[in-house]
Amino acid sequence: MIRFRLVAATAALAVAGCSPAPPAPAAEPAHHHHDTVAASGQPAGHLVVRADDQLKPVLGVLTDQFEEAFPGTDVAVEYGTGKAAADVLVTDDPGAVDEATVVARNPLVIATARTATTVNTAADLRRPGVRVAVGGDAAGLVPATVRTDGPGAVAAVVTGAADVAVVHRTDVVAAGADLRVVDFREGIEHADQYVVVLTKPGGNPVTADAFRELMRSALAQRVFSDAGFSAA
């Protein structure tokens, strides 16, 4: 039944062009207990998902598709560190790997102007005169002229303040920047890995399991790809 209903969600997204749109802020529920708990194997009721901020473009699409596929479900996504109990965690925290499913990776990449073709490897970043803007997780991995966050590093290349940025691929996609993106070995090795974890005990295990199945689906992989993530 779950797989059949998710096929409907996949078809709906295909008609929409598979282009994730930034989600509207989710209204904070007044309580986090489950008004309706799934019974007889059918997803239903309230589900709380906690996720990393970088996943907003992905979960904004997938939660809508999940609720459409399973009428009667209500998915609330909390980003960052929340205090309320969650049924599902989608995180890159290495400490959350027990019984986890890797659903996507977010590699570091080299981003340069499209007219620049001389920087293609980590070794090129060390050449004299190359101005490198490093964002977030890339600090310490490569030499840096400018140290900032991911969006700031992308902006430095766009404005000409740096020749190249070393950032997560999602930073380039989120900025809508027309840059040349180059994968490199060290960046792939240091990719963030996002996993889906069902909490124990969860208040709505049937619905949580169905949501995990959606996160592992071909539909989800297309949405992850559109946002700049690599396949799991």
C-alpha atoms as a PDB file:
ATOM      1  CA  MET A   1       0.000   0.000   0.000  1.00  0.00           C
ATOM      2  CA  ILE A   2       2.775   2.464   0.932  1.00  0.00           C
ATOM      3  CA  ARG A   3       4.692   1.936  -2.293  1.00  0.00           C
ATOM      4  CA  PHE A   4       1.518   2.330  -4.336  1.00  0.00           C
ATOM      5  CA  ARG A   5       0.655   5.614  -2.682  1.00  0.00           C
ATOM      6  CA  LEU A   6       4.196   6.931  -3.131  1.00  0.00           C
ATOM      7  CA  VAL A   7       3.963   6.234  -6.873  1.00  0.00           C
ATOM      8  CA  ALA A   8       1.102   8.729  -6.921  1.00  0.00           C
ATOM      9  CA  ALA A   9       3.304  11.269  -5.167  1.00  0.00           C
ATOM     10  CA  THR A  10       6.085  10.679  -7.696  1.00  0.00           C
ATOM     11  CA  ALA A  11       3.711  11.277 -10.578  1.00  0.00           C
ATOM     12  CA  ALA A  12       2.450  14.472  -8.968  1.00  0.00           C
ATOM     13  CA  LEU A  13       5.978  15.836  -8.630  1.00  0.00           C
ATOM     14  CA  ALA A  14       6.832  14.882 -12.208  1.00  0.00           C
ATOM     15  CA  VAL A  15       3.900  16.977 -13.443  1.00  0.00           C
ATOM     16  CA  ALA A  16       5.172  19.858 -11.344  1.00  0.00           C
ATOM     17  CA  GLY A  17       8.587  19.660 -13.011  1.00  0.00           C
ATOM     18  CA  CYS A  18      10.493  18.283 -10.010  1.00  0.00           C
ATOM     19  CA  SER A  19      11.596  21.765  -9.037  1.00  0.00           C
ATOM     20  CA  PRO A  20      11.712  22.188  -5.262  1.00  0.00           C
ATOM     21  CA  ALA A  21      10.447  25.527  -4.001  1.00  0.00           C
ATOM     22  CA  PRO A  22      11.466  27.068  -0.684  1.00  0.00           C
ATOM     23  CA  PRO A  23       8.922  25.887   1.887  1.00  0.00           C
ATOM     24  CA  ALA A  24       6.648  28.247   3.764  1.00  0.00           C
ATOM     25  CA  PRO A  25       7.531  28.364   7.463  1.00  0.00           C
ATOM     26  CA  ALA A  26       5.745  25.578   9.273  1.00  0.00           C
ATOM     27  CA  ALA A  27       3.313  26.710  11.929  1.00  0.00           C
ATOM     28  CA  GLU A  28       4.416  25.542  15.358  1.00  0.00           C
ATOM     29  CA  PRO A  29       1.778  23.218  16.766  1.00  0.00           C
ATOM     30  CA  ALA A  30       0.436  24.016  20.200  1.00  0.00           C
ATOM     31  CA  HIS A  31       1.292  20.468  21.296  1.00  0.00           C
ATOM     32  CA  HIS A  32       3.352  17.579  20.041  1.00  0.00           C
ATOM     33  CA  HIS A  33       1.315  14.606  21.101  1.00  0.00           C
ATOM     34  CA  HIS A  34      -0.381  12.609  18.352  1.00  0.00           C
ATOM     35  CA  ASP A  35      -4.058  13.441  17.861  1.00  0.00           C
ATOM     36  CA  THR A  36      -4.392  10.328  15.742  1.00  0.00           C
ATOM     37  CA  VAL A  37      -1.966   7.432  15.762  1.00  0.00           C
ATOM     38  CA  ALA A  38      -1.634   5.264  12.654  1.00  0.00           C
ATOM     39  CA  ALA A  39      -3.444   1.964  12.928  1.00  0.00           C
ATOM     40  CA  SER A  40      -3.673  -1.173  10.783  1.00  0.00           C
ATOM     41  CA  GLY A  41      -0.519  -0.248   8.878  1.00  0.00           C
ATOM     42  CA  GLN A  42      -1.993   2.957   7.407  1.00  0.00           C
ATOM     43  CA  PRO A  43      -0.010   6.198   7.930  1.00  0.00           C
ATOM     44  CA  ALA A  44      -2.090   8.816   9.736  1.00  0.00           C
ATOM     45  CA  GLY A  45      -1.858  11.531  12.342  1.00  0.00           C
ATOM     46  CA  HIS A  46       0.794  14.005  13.404  1.00  0.00           C
ATOM     47  CA  LEU A  47       4.497  13.422  12.659  1.00  0.00           C
ATOM     48  CA  VAL A  48       7.371  15.557  13.951  1.00  0.00           C
ATOM     49  CA  VAL A  49      10.562  15.649  11.854  1.00  0.00           C
ATOM     50  CA  ARG A  50      13.741  17.398  12.986  1.00  0.00           C
ATOM     51  CA  ALA A  51      16.226  18.256  10.254  1.00  0.00           C
ATOM     52  CA  ASP A  52      19.317  20.235   9.348  1.00  0.00           C
ATOM     53  CA  ASP A  53      18.681  23.738   7.959  1.00  0.00           C
ATOM     54  CA  GLN A  54      20.275  22.849   4.618  1.00  0.00           C
ATOM     55  CA  LEU A  55      17.435  20.419   3.966  1.00  0.00           C
ATOM     56  CA  LYS A  56      14.698  23.067   3.841  1.00  0.00           C
ATOM     57  CA  PRO A  57      14.390  23.042   0.013  1.00  0.00           C
ATOM     58  CA  VAL A  58      14.127  19.239   0.033  1.00  0.00           C
ATOM     59  CA  LEU A  59      11.732  18.734   2.916  1.00  0.00           C
ATOM     60  CA  GLY A  60       9.560  21.610   1.750  1.00  0.00           C
ATOM     61  CA  VAL A  61       8.726  19.489  -1.298  1.00  0.00           C
ATOM     62  CA  LEU A  62       8.699  16.033   0.275  1.00  0.00           C
ATOM     63  CA  THR A  63       6.459  16.828   3.240  1.00  0.00           C
ATOM     64  CA  ASP A  64       3.830  18.238   0.885  1.00  0.00           C
ATOM     65  CA  GLN A  65       4.057  15.112  -1.274  1.00  0.00           C
ATOM     66  CA  PHE A  66       3.792  12.865   1.773  1.00  0.00           C
ATOM     67  CA  GLU A  67       0.668  14.597   3.072  1.00  0.00           C
ATOM     68  CA  GLU A  68      -0.874  14.422  -0.400  1.00  0.00           C
ATOM     69  CA  ALA A  69      -0.090  10.721  -0.726  1.00  0.00           C
ATOM     70  CA  PHE A  70      -1.484   9.966   2.745  1.00  0.00           C
ATOM     71  CA  PRO A  71      -4.541  12.112   3.528  1.00  0.00           C
ATOM     72  CA  GLY A  72      -4.949  12.482   7.256  1.00  0.00           C
ATOM     73  CA  THR A  73      -1.233  12.909   7.939  1.00  0.00           C
ATOM     74  CA  ASP A  74       0.269  16.145   9.228  1.00  0.00           C
ATOM     75  CA  VAL A  75       4.055  16.583   9.103  1.00  0.00           C
ATOM     76  CA  ALA A  76       5.700  19.319  11.180  1.00  0.00           C
ATOM     77  CA  VAL A  77       9.383  19.943  10.404  1.00  0.00           C
ATOM     78  CA  GLU A  78      11.594  21.576  13.005  1.00  0.00           C
ATOM     79  CA  TYR A  79      14.966  22.824  11.757  1.00  0.00           C
ATOM     80  CA  GLY A  80      18.046  23.006  13.914  1.00  0.00           C
ATOM     81  CA  THR A  81      18.075  21.899  17.526  1.00  0.00           C
ATOM     82  CA  GLY A  82      14.587  21.672  18.965  1.00  0.00           C
ATOM     83  CA  LYS A  83      13.302  20.760  22.404  1.00  0.00           C
ATOM     84  CA  ALA A  84      10.200  18.841  21.383  1.00  0.00           C
ATOM     85  CA  ALA A  85      10.384  15.085  20.871  1.00  0.00           C
ATOM     86  CA  ALA A  86      10.700  14.110  17.219  1.00  0.00           C
ATOM     87  CA  ASP A  87       9.559  10.944  15.465  1.00  0.00           C
ATOM     88  CA  VAL A  88      12.143  11.231  12.684  1.00  0.00           C
ATOM     89  CA  LEU A  89      15.602  12.820  12.532  1.00  0.00           C
ATOM     90  CA  VAL A  90      17.232  13.814   9.238  1.00  0.00           C
ATOM     91  CA  THR A  91      20.737  14.811  10.178  1.00  0.00           C
ATOM     92  CA  ASP A  92      24.434  14.792   9.303  1.00  0.00           C
ATOM     93  CA  ASP A  93      25.396  14.220  12.946  1.00  0.00           C
ATOM     94  CA  PRO A  94      27.896  11.315  13.025  1.00  0.00           C
ATOM     95  CA  GLY A  95      26.531  10.350  16.422  1.00  0.00           C
ATOM     96  CA  ALA A  96      23.112   9.566  14.951  1.00  0.00           C
ATOM     97  CA  VAL A  97      24.114   6.601  12.806  1.00  0.00           C
ATOM     98  CA  ASP A  98      22.488   3.753  14.742  1.00  0.00           C
ATOM     99  CA  GLU A  99      19.861   2.082  12.562  1.00  0.00           C
ATOM    100  CA  ALA A 100      20.218   5.001  10.183  1.00  0.00           C
ATOM    101  CA  THR A 101      19.720   5.201   6.459  1.00  0.00           C
ATOM    102  CA  VAL A 102      21.975   7.441   4.371  1.00  0.00           C
ATOM    103  CA  VAL A 103      19.728   9.325   1.962  1.00  0.00           C
ATOM    104  CA  ALA A 104      22.063  11.958   0.474  1.00  0.00           C
ATOM    105  CA  ARG A 105      25.561  13.422   0.530  1.00  0.00           C
ATOM    106  CA  ASN A 106      26.645  17.035   0.276  1.00  0.00           C
ATOM    107  CA  PRO A 107      30.220  17.218  -1.058  1.00  0.00           C
ATOM    108  CA  LEU A 108      32.562  20.155  -0.966  1.00  0.00           C
ATOM    109  CA  VAL A 109      33.255  21.525  -4.439  1.00  0.00           C
ATOM    110  CA  ILE A 110      35.449  24.090  -6.142  1.00  0.00           C
ATOM    111  CA  ALA A 111      33.353  26.940  -7.567  1.00  0.00           C
ATOM    112  CA  THR A 112      34.830  29.465  -9.985  1.00  0.00           C
ATOM    113  CA  ALA A 113      33.665  31.851 -12.662  1.00  0.00           C
ATOM    114  CA  ARG A 114      32.787  30.001 -15.856  1.00  0.00           C
ATOM    115  CA  THR A 115      35.570  31.819 -17.697  1.00  0.00           C
ATOM    116  CA  ALA A 116      38.171  30.521 -15.227  1.00  0.00           C
ATOM    117  CA  THR A 117      39.494  27.096 -16.196  1.00  0.00           C
ATOM    118  CA  THR A 118      42.830  26.856 -14.399  1.00  0.00           C
ATOM    119  CA  VAL A 119      41.636  25.645 -10.966  1.00  0.00           C
ATOM    120  CA  ASN A 120      40.514  22.025 -11.041  1.00  0.00           C
ATOM    121  CA  THR A 121      42.163  20.282  -8.082  1.00  0.00           C
ATOM    122  CA  ALA A 122      43.068  20.946  -4.459  1.00  0.00           C
ATOM    123  CA  ALA A 123      46.688  21.396  -5.586  1.00  0.00           C
ATOM    124  CA  ASP A 124      45.626  24.260  -7.863  1.00  0.00           C
ATOM    125  CA  LEU A 125      44.204  26.070  -4.848  1.00  0.00           C
ATOM    126  CA  ARG A 126      47.715  26.299  -3.405  1.00  0.00           C
ATOM    127  CA  ARG A 127      49.213  28.096  -6.382  1.00  0.00           C
ATOM    128  CA  PRO A 128      50.594  31.579  -5.618  1.00  0.00           C
ATOM    129  CA  GLY A 129      48.123  34.334  -6.387  1.00  0.00           C
ATOM    130  CA  VAL A 130      44.966  32.213  -6.252  1.00  0.00           C
ATOM    131  CA  ARG A 131      42.498  33.889  -3.905  1.00  0.00           C
ATOM    132  CA  VAL A 132      40.445  31.218  -2.174  1.00  0.00           C
ATOM    133  CA  ALA A 133      37.247  31.865  -0.218  1.00  0.00           C
ATOM    134  CA  VAL A 134      36.502  29.010   2.166  1.00  0.00           C
ATOM    135  CA  GLY A 135      33.086  28.410   3.649  1.00  0.00           C
ATOM    136  CA  GLY A 136      32.298  26.572   6.851  1.00  0.00           C
ATOM    137  CA  ASP A 137      33.284  22.909   6.749  1.00  0.00           C
ATOM    138  CA  ALA A 138      36.129  23.536   4.291  1.00  0.00           C
ATOM    139  CA  ALA A 139      38.143  25.450   6.892  1.00  0.00           C
ATOM    140  CA  GLY A 140      41.435  23.648   7.446  1.00  0.00           C
ATOM    141  CA  LEU A 141      41.012  21.475   4.368  1.00  0.00           C
ATOM    142  CA  VAL A 142      42.472  23.961   1.879  1.00  0.00           C
ATOM    143  CA  PRO A 143      44.379  27.253   2.190  1.00  0.00           C
ATOM    144  CA  ALA A 144      42.123  30.274   2.518  1.00  0.00           C
ATOM    145  CA  THR A 145      42.414  33.943   1.634  1.00  0.00           C
ATOM    146  CA  VAL A 146      38.877  34.617   2.873  1.00  0.00           C
ATOM    147  CA  ARG A 147      37.212  32.617   5.655  1.00  0.00           C
ATOM    148  CA  THR A 148      33.446  32.924   5.867  1.00  0.00           C
ATOM    149  CA  ASP A 149      30.310  30.798   5.612  1.00  0.00           C
ATOM    150  CA  GLY A 150      29.149  29.010   2.463  1.00  0.00           C
ATOM    151  CA  PRO A 151      26.926  31.785   1.069  1.00  0.00           C
ATOM    152  CA  GLY A 152      29.614  34.356   1.834  1.00  0.00           C
ATOM    153  CA  ALA A 153      32.261  32.347  -0.036  1.00  0.00           C
ATOM    154  CA  VAL A 154      30.018  32.033  -3.096  1.00  0.00           C
ATOM    155  CA  ALA A 155      29.304  35.761  -2.970  1.00  0.00           C
ATOM    156  CA  ALA A 156      33.052  36.483  -2.820  1.00  0.00           C
ATOM    157  CA  VAL A 157      33.540  34.755  -6.176  1.00  0.00           C
ATOM    158  CA  VAL A 158      30.481  36.398  -7.723  1.00  0.00           C
ATOM    159  CA  THR A 159      31.693  39.882  -6.709  1.00  0.00           C
ATOM    160  CA  GLY A 160      35.304  39.216  -7.685  1.00  0.00           C
ATOM    161  CA  ALA A 161      36.662  39.360  -4.134  1.00  0.00           C
ATOM    162  CA  ALA A 162      37.973  35.804  -4.593  1.00  0.00           C
ATOM    163  CA  ASP A 163      38.955  33.681  -7.577  1.00  0.00           C
ATOM    164  CA  VAL A 164      37.517  30.458  -6.242  1.00  0.00           C
ATOM    165  CA  ALA A 165      35.275  29.235  -3.442  1.00  0.00           C
ATOM    166  CA  VAL A 166      35.434  25.891  -1.660  1.00  0.00           C
ATOM    167  CA  VAL A 167      31.905  25.278  -0.413  1.00  0.00           C
ATOM    168  CA  HIS A 168      29.188  22.668  -0.324  1.00  0.00           C
ATOM    169  CA  ARG A 169      27.522  22.146  -3.687  1.00  0.00           C
ATOM    170  CA  THR A 170      24.186  23.096  -2.118  1.00  0.00           C
ATOM    171  CA  ASP A 171      25.589  26.555  -1.331  1.00  0.00           C
ATOM    172  CA  VAL A 172      26.126  27.211  -5.047  1.00  0.00           C
ATOM    173  CA  VAL A 173      22.668  25.915  -5.987  1.00  0.00           C
ATOM    174  CA  ALA A 174      20.934  27.875  -3.209  1.00  0.00           C
ATOM    175  CA  ALA A 175      22.643  31.094  -4.328  1.00  0.00           C
ATOM    176  CA  GLY A 176      21.551  30.579  -7.937  1.00  0.00           C
ATOM    177  CA  ALA A 177      25.084  31.543  -8.915  1.00  0.00           C
ATOM    178  CA  ASP A 178      26.217  30.918 -12.495  1.00  0.00           C
ATOM    179  CA  LEU A 179      29.539  29.368 -11.531  1.00  0.00           C
ATOM    180  CA  ARG A 180      31.595  26.456 -12.818  1.00  0.00           C
ATOM    181  CA  VAL A 181      31.479  23.680 -10.237  1.00  0.00           C
ATOM    182  CA  VAL A 182      34.293  21.132 -10.020  1.00  0.00           C
ATOM    183  CA  ASP A 183      34.248  18.010  -7.856  1.00  0.00           C
ATOM    184  CA  PHE A 184      37.571  17.096  -6.244  1.00  0.00           C
ATOM    185  CA  ARG A 185      38.732  14.076  -4.295  1.00  0.00           C
ATOM    186  CA  GLU A 186      39.153  15.725  -0.904  1.00  0.00           C
ATOM    187  CA  GLY A 187      35.751  17.384  -1.203  1.00  0.00           C
ATOM    188  CA  ILE A 188      34.030  14.085  -1.914  1.00  0.00           C
ATOM    189  CA  GLU A 189      35.833  12.424   0.994  1.00  0.00           C
ATOM    190  CA  HIS A 190      34.654  15.186   3.358  1.00  0.00           C
ATOM    191  CA  ALA A 191      31.039  15.225   2.155  1.00  0.00           C
ATOM    192  CA  ASP A 192      28.338  15.548   4.777  1.00  0.00           C
ATOM    193  CA  GLN A 193      26.236  12.389   4.939  1.00  0.00           C
ATOM    194  CA  TYR A 194      22.563  12.836   5.730  1.00  0.00           C
ATOM    195  CA  VAL A 195      20.768   9.985   7.412  1.00  0.00           C
ATOM    196  CA  VAL A 196      17.179   9.264   8.384  1.00  0.00           C
ATOM    197  CA  VAL A 197      16.755   7.954  11.920  1.00  0.00           C
ATOM    198  CA  LEU A 198      13.528   6.781  13.513  1.00  0.00           C
ATOM    199  CA  THR A 199      13.591   7.727  17.177  1.00  0.00           C
ATOM    200  CA  LYS A 200      12.942   5.197  19.929  1.00  0.00           C
ATOM    201  CA  PRO A 201      10.333   5.204  21.221  1.00  0.00           C
ATOM    202  CA  GLY A 202       8.458   7.091  18.501  1.00  0.00           C
ATOM    203  CA  GLY A 203       4.875   8.150  19.004  1.00  0.00           C
ATOM    204  CA  ASN A 204       3.769   7.286  15.462  1.00  0.00           C
ATOM    205  CA  PRO A 205       5.960   4.444  14.170  1.00  0.00           C
ATOM    206  CA  VAL A 206       3.839   3.454  11.152  1.00  0.00           C
ATOM    207  CA  THR A 207       3.794   6.991   9.771  1.00  0.00           C
ATOM    208  CA  ALA A 208       7.472   7.504  10.628  1.00  0.00           C
ATOM    209  CA  ASP A 209       8.407   4.358   8.714  1.00  0.00           C
ATOM    210  CA  ALA A 210       6.395   5.501   5.696  1.00  0.00           C
ATOM    211  CA  PHE A 211       8.167   8.874   5.799  1.00  0.00           C
ATOM    212  CA  ARG A 212      11.545   7.121   5.888  1.00  0.00           C
ATOM    213  CA  GLU A 213      10.504   5.099   2.840  1.00  0.00           C
ATOM    214  CA  LEU A 214       9.679   8.312   1.008  1.00  0.00           C
ATOM    215  CA  MET A 215      13.085   9.771   1.925  1.00  0.00           C
ATOM    216  CA  ARG A 216      14.734   6.722   0.348  1.00  0.00           C
ATOM    217  CA  SER A 217      12.622   6.801  -2.832  1.00  0.00           C
ATOM    218  CA  ALA A 218      13.541   7.764  -6.399  1.00  0.00           C
ATOM    219  CA  LEU A 219      11.291  10.794  -5.959  1.00  0.00           C
ATOM    220  CA  ALA A 220      13.388  11.994  -3.017  1.00  0.00           C
ATOM    221  CA  GLN A 221      16.630  11.391  -4.907  1.00  0.00           C
ATOM    222  CA  ARG A 222      15.455  13.712  -7.693  1.00  0.00           C
ATOM    223  CA  VAL A 223      14.519  16.404  -5.188  1.00  0.00           C
ATOM    224  CA  PHE A 224      17.872  16.032  -3.409  1.00  0.00           C
ATOM    225  CA  SER A 225      19.666  16.312  -6.759  1.00  0.00           C
ATOM    226  CA  ASP A 226      17.781  19.477  -7.694  1.00  0.00           C
ATOM    227  CA  ALA A 227      18.982  21.039  -4.433  1.00  0.00           C
ATOM    228  CA  GLY A 228      22.621  20.126  -5.130  1.00  0.00           C
ATOM    229  CA  PHE A 229      22.992  16.945  -3.083  1.00  0.00           C
ATOM    230  CA  SER A 230      24.629  13.778  -4.385  1.00  0.00           C
ATOM    231  CA  ALA A 231      22.874  10.431  -4.451  1.00  0.00           C
ATOM    232  CA  ALA A 232      23.267   8.239  -1.400  1.00  0.00           C
END
